Amino acid sequence: MNVNGVSPTFESSSSLKGETVTMNVNGVLYSKITNANGIASLNIDLLPGKYIITASHGTAVTSNIISVKEN
């Protein structure tokens, strides 16, 4: 599982079409369903700063630090 920004992508995406991915951003949980490419996207408004995003599906869990910059 790889996380880019707030769009986790799973390497075996063909088996994850239509699957639920749970994401934790700044202590708030979001559940998203993967698209036909196995990607679950999350669009949220965050203040500038660094955040840890944790994405999970089944027993697979990964975390990444994202940076939000001012426009």
N, C-alpha and C. Protein backbone atom coordinates (compact mmCIF):
# COMPACT_ATOMS: atom_id res chain seq x y z
N MET A 1 0.85 -1.16 0.00
CA MET A 1 0.00 0.00 0.00
C MET A 1 0.90 1.23 0.00
N ASN A 2 0.62 2.18 -0.86
CA ASN A 2 1.36 3.44 -0.91
C ASN A 2 0.40 4.59 -0.65
N VAL A 3 0.87 5.62 -0.02
CA VAL A 3 0.04 6.79 0.22
C VAL A 3 0.69 7.99 -0.42
N ASN A 4 -0.03 8.67 -1.29
CA ASN A 4 0.43 9.90 -1.92
C ASN A 4 -0.55 10.99 -1.54
N GLY A 5 -0.11 11.95 -0.75
CA GLY A 5 -1.03 12.98 -0.28
C GLY A 5 -2.14 12.33 0.51
N VAL A 6 -3.35 12.51 0.10
CA VAL A 6 -4.47 11.86 0.78
C VAL A 6 -5.20 10.88 -0.13
N SER A 7 -4.48 10.30 -1.08
CA SER A 7 -5.05 9.29 -1.96
C SER A 7 -4.26 8.00 -1.85
N PRO A 8 -4.66 7.10 -0.94
CA PRO A 8 -3.91 5.84 -0.84
C PRO A 8 -4.17 4.98 -2.05
N THR A 9 -3.11 4.36 -2.56
CA THR A 9 -3.25 3.43 -3.67
C THR A 9 -2.66 2.10 -3.25
N PHE A 10 -3.33 1.04 -3.60
CA PHE A 10 -2.89 -0.30 -3.25
C PHE A 10 -2.30 -0.95 -4.49
N GLU A 11 -1.14 -1.56 -4.35
CA GLU A 11 -0.44 -2.13 -5.49
C GLU A 11 -1.24 -3.21 -6.19
N SER A 12 -2.03 -3.96 -5.47
CA SER A 12 -2.86 -5.00 -6.10
C SER A 12 -4.26 -4.45 -6.35
N SER A 13 -4.32 -3.32 -7.05
CA SER A 13 -5.57 -2.59 -7.20
C SER A 13 -6.68 -3.41 -7.85
N SER A 14 -6.36 -4.38 -8.69
CA SER A 14 -7.41 -5.14 -9.35
C SER A 14 -8.28 -5.90 -8.35
N SER A 15 -7.71 -6.27 -7.21
CA SER A 15 -8.48 -7.00 -6.21
C SER A 15 -9.15 -6.06 -5.20
N LEU A 16 -8.91 -4.76 -5.33
CA LEU A 16 -9.47 -3.81 -4.37
C LEU A 16 -10.51 -2.87 -4.97
N LYS A 17 -11.04 -3.20 -6.12
CA LYS A 17 -12.09 -2.38 -6.71
C LYS A 17 -13.33 -2.46 -5.83
N GLY A 18 -13.87 -1.30 -5.48
CA GLY A 18 -15.09 -1.27 -4.68
C GLY A 18 -14.91 -1.64 -3.22
N GLU A 19 -13.68 -1.63 -2.73
CA GLU A 19 -13.39 -1.97 -1.33
C GLU A 19 -13.35 -0.71 -0.47
N THR A 20 -13.64 -0.85 0.80
CA THR A 20 -13.62 0.28 1.73
C THR A 20 -12.24 0.46 2.34
N VAL A 21 -11.74 1.69 2.28
CA VAL A 21 -10.47 2.06 2.90
C VAL A 21 -10.79 3.07 3.98
N THR A 22 -10.20 2.90 5.16
CA THR A 22 -10.38 3.82 6.25
C THR A 22 -9.15 4.70 6.37
N MET A 23 -9.36 6.01 6.47
CA MET A 23 -8.27 6.96 6.60
C MET A 23 -8.46 7.79 7.87
N ASN A 24 -7.36 7.98 8.58
CA ASN A 24 -7.36 8.80 9.78
C ASN A 24 -6.47 10.01 9.50
N VAL A 25 -7.07 11.19 9.51
CA VAL A 25 -6.33 12.42 9.28
C VAL A 25 -6.60 13.34 10.46
N ASN A 26 -5.55 13.66 11.20
CA ASN A 26 -5.68 14.58 12.33
C ASN A 26 -6.73 14.11 13.34
N GLY A 27 -6.83 12.79 13.52
CA GLY A 27 -7.76 12.25 14.50
C GLY A 27 -9.18 12.07 14.02
N VAL A 28 -9.46 12.38 12.76
CA VAL A 28 -10.80 12.22 12.19
C VAL A 28 -10.77 11.04 11.22
N LEU A 29 -11.72 10.11 11.40
CA LEU A 29 -11.78 8.93 10.54
C LEU A 29 -12.69 9.18 9.34
N TYR A 30 -12.25 8.72 8.18
CA TYR A 30 -13.01 8.81 6.94
C TYR A 30 -13.01 7.43 6.31
N SER A 31 -14.13 7.02 5.77
CA SER A 31 -14.22 5.76 5.02
C SER A 31 -14.56 6.10 3.59
N LYS A 32 -13.77 5.55 2.67
CA LYS A 32 -13.97 5.79 1.24
C LYS A 32 -13.93 4.45 0.52
N ILE A 33 -14.65 4.38 -0.59
CA ILE A 33 -14.67 3.17 -1.41
C ILE A 33 -13.73 3.37 -2.59
N THR A 34 -12.92 2.35 -2.86
CA THR A 34 -11.97 2.45 -3.97
C THR A 34 -12.70 2.46 -5.31
N ASN A 35 -12.09 3.15 -6.28
CA ASN A 35 -12.68 3.22 -7.62
C ASN A 35 -12.24 2.02 -8.46
N ALA A 36 -12.50 2.09 -9.75
CA ALA A 36 -12.18 0.98 -10.65
C ALA A 36 -10.68 0.70 -10.74
N ASN A 37 -9.86 1.68 -10.35
CA ASN A 37 -8.41 1.51 -10.36
C ASN A 37 -7.86 1.14 -8.98
N GLY A 38 -8.74 0.93 -8.00
CA GLY A 38 -8.30 0.58 -6.66
C GLY A 38 -7.81 1.76 -5.84
N ILE A 39 -8.21 2.98 -6.23
CA ILE A 39 -7.75 4.19 -5.54
C ILE A 39 -8.91 4.79 -4.74
N ALA A 40 -8.64 5.12 -3.50
CA ALA A 40 -9.61 5.82 -2.67
C ALA A 40 -9.08 7.23 -2.44
N SER A 41 -9.84 8.23 -2.87
CA SER A 41 -9.41 9.62 -2.74
C SER A 41 -10.19 10.32 -1.65
N LEU A 42 -9.52 11.26 -1.02
CA LEU A 42 -10.13 12.02 0.06
C LEU A 42 -9.79 13.49 -0.15
N ASN A 43 -10.81 14.31 -0.32
CA ASN A 43 -10.62 15.74 -0.48
C ASN A 43 -11.17 16.44 0.75
N ILE A 44 -10.28 17.02 1.53
CA ILE A 44 -10.69 17.73 2.75
C ILE A 44 -9.92 19.04 2.85
N ASP A 45 -10.49 19.98 3.57
CA ASP A 45 -9.82 21.26 3.80
C ASP A 45 -9.01 21.18 5.09
N LEU A 46 -7.73 21.47 4.99
CA LEU A 46 -6.85 21.48 6.14
C LEU A 46 -6.10 22.80 6.19
N LEU A 47 -5.83 23.27 7.38
CA LEU A 47 -5.01 24.46 7.54
C LEU A 47 -3.57 24.12 7.17
N PRO A 48 -2.79 25.12 6.76
CA PRO A 48 -1.38 24.83 6.45
C PRO A 48 -0.67 24.18 7.64
N GLY A 49 0.18 23.21 7.34
CA GLY A 49 0.93 22.50 8.37
C GLY A 49 1.21 21.08 7.94
N LYS A 50 1.76 20.30 8.86
CA LYS A 50 2.06 18.89 8.59
C LYS A 50 1.05 18.02 9.34
N TYR A 51 0.65 16.96 8.68
CA TYR A 51 -0.33 16.04 9.23
C TYR A 51 0.12 14.60 8.96
N ILE A 52 -0.29 13.71 9.84
CA ILE A 52 -0.06 12.28 9.63
C ILE A 52 -1.37 11.70 9.12
N ILE A 53 -1.30 11.00 7.99
CA ILE A 53 -2.46 10.27 7.48
C ILE A 53 -2.17 8.79 7.60
N THR A 54 -3.13 8.07 8.14
CA THR A 54 -3.02 6.63 8.26
C THR A 54 -4.15 6.02 7.45
N ALA A 55 -3.82 5.11 6.56
CA ALA A 55 -4.81 4.44 5.73
C ALA A 55 -4.76 2.95 6.03
N SER A 56 -5.94 2.33 6.06
CA SER A 56 -5.98 0.90 6.34
C SER A 56 -7.06 0.21 5.51
N HIS A 57 -6.77 -1.04 5.21
CA HIS A 57 -7.72 -1.92 4.53
C HIS A 57 -7.43 -3.32 5.05
N GLY A 58 -8.40 -3.89 5.72
CA GLY A 58 -8.17 -5.20 6.33
C GLY A 58 -7.05 -5.11 7.35
N THR A 59 -6.03 -5.94 7.18
CA THR A 59 -4.89 -5.91 8.10
C THR A 59 -3.75 -5.03 7.61
N ALA A 60 -3.88 -4.48 6.41
CA ALA A 60 -2.83 -3.61 5.85
C ALA A 60 -3.02 -2.18 6.38
N VAL A 61 -1.95 -1.62 6.93
CA VAL A 61 -1.98 -0.27 7.47
C VAL A 61 -0.71 0.45 7.06
N THR A 62 -0.85 1.71 6.67
CA THR A 62 0.32 2.51 6.35
C THR A 62 0.08 3.95 6.79
N SER A 63 1.15 4.65 7.10
CA SER A 63 1.07 6.05 7.50
C SER A 63 2.04 6.88 6.68
N ASN A 64 1.71 8.14 6.52
CA ASN A 64 2.56 9.05 5.79
C ASN A 64 2.36 10.45 6.33
N ILE A 65 3.39 11.27 6.27
CA ILE A 65 3.27 12.67 6.67
C ILE A 65 3.00 13.49 5.42
N ILE A 66 1.97 14.33 5.48
CA ILE A 66 1.66 15.21 4.36
C ILE A 66 1.87 16.65 4.81
N SER A 67 2.25 17.50 3.88
CA SER A 67 2.42 18.93 4.15
C SER A 67 1.39 19.70 3.35
N VAL A 68 0.65 20.56 4.04
CA VAL A 68 -0.32 21.43 3.40
C VAL A 68 0.28 22.83 3.40
N LYS A 69 0.38 23.41 2.21
CA LYS A 69 0.96 24.74 2.07
C LYS A 69 -0.12 25.77 1.82
N GLU A 70 0.18 27.02 2.14
CA GLU A 70 -0.76 28.10 1.87
C GLU A 70 -0.84 28.34 0.38
N ASN A 71 -2.02 28.77 -0.08
CA ASN A 71 -2.19 29.09 -1.51
C ASN A 71 -1.49 30.38 -1.85
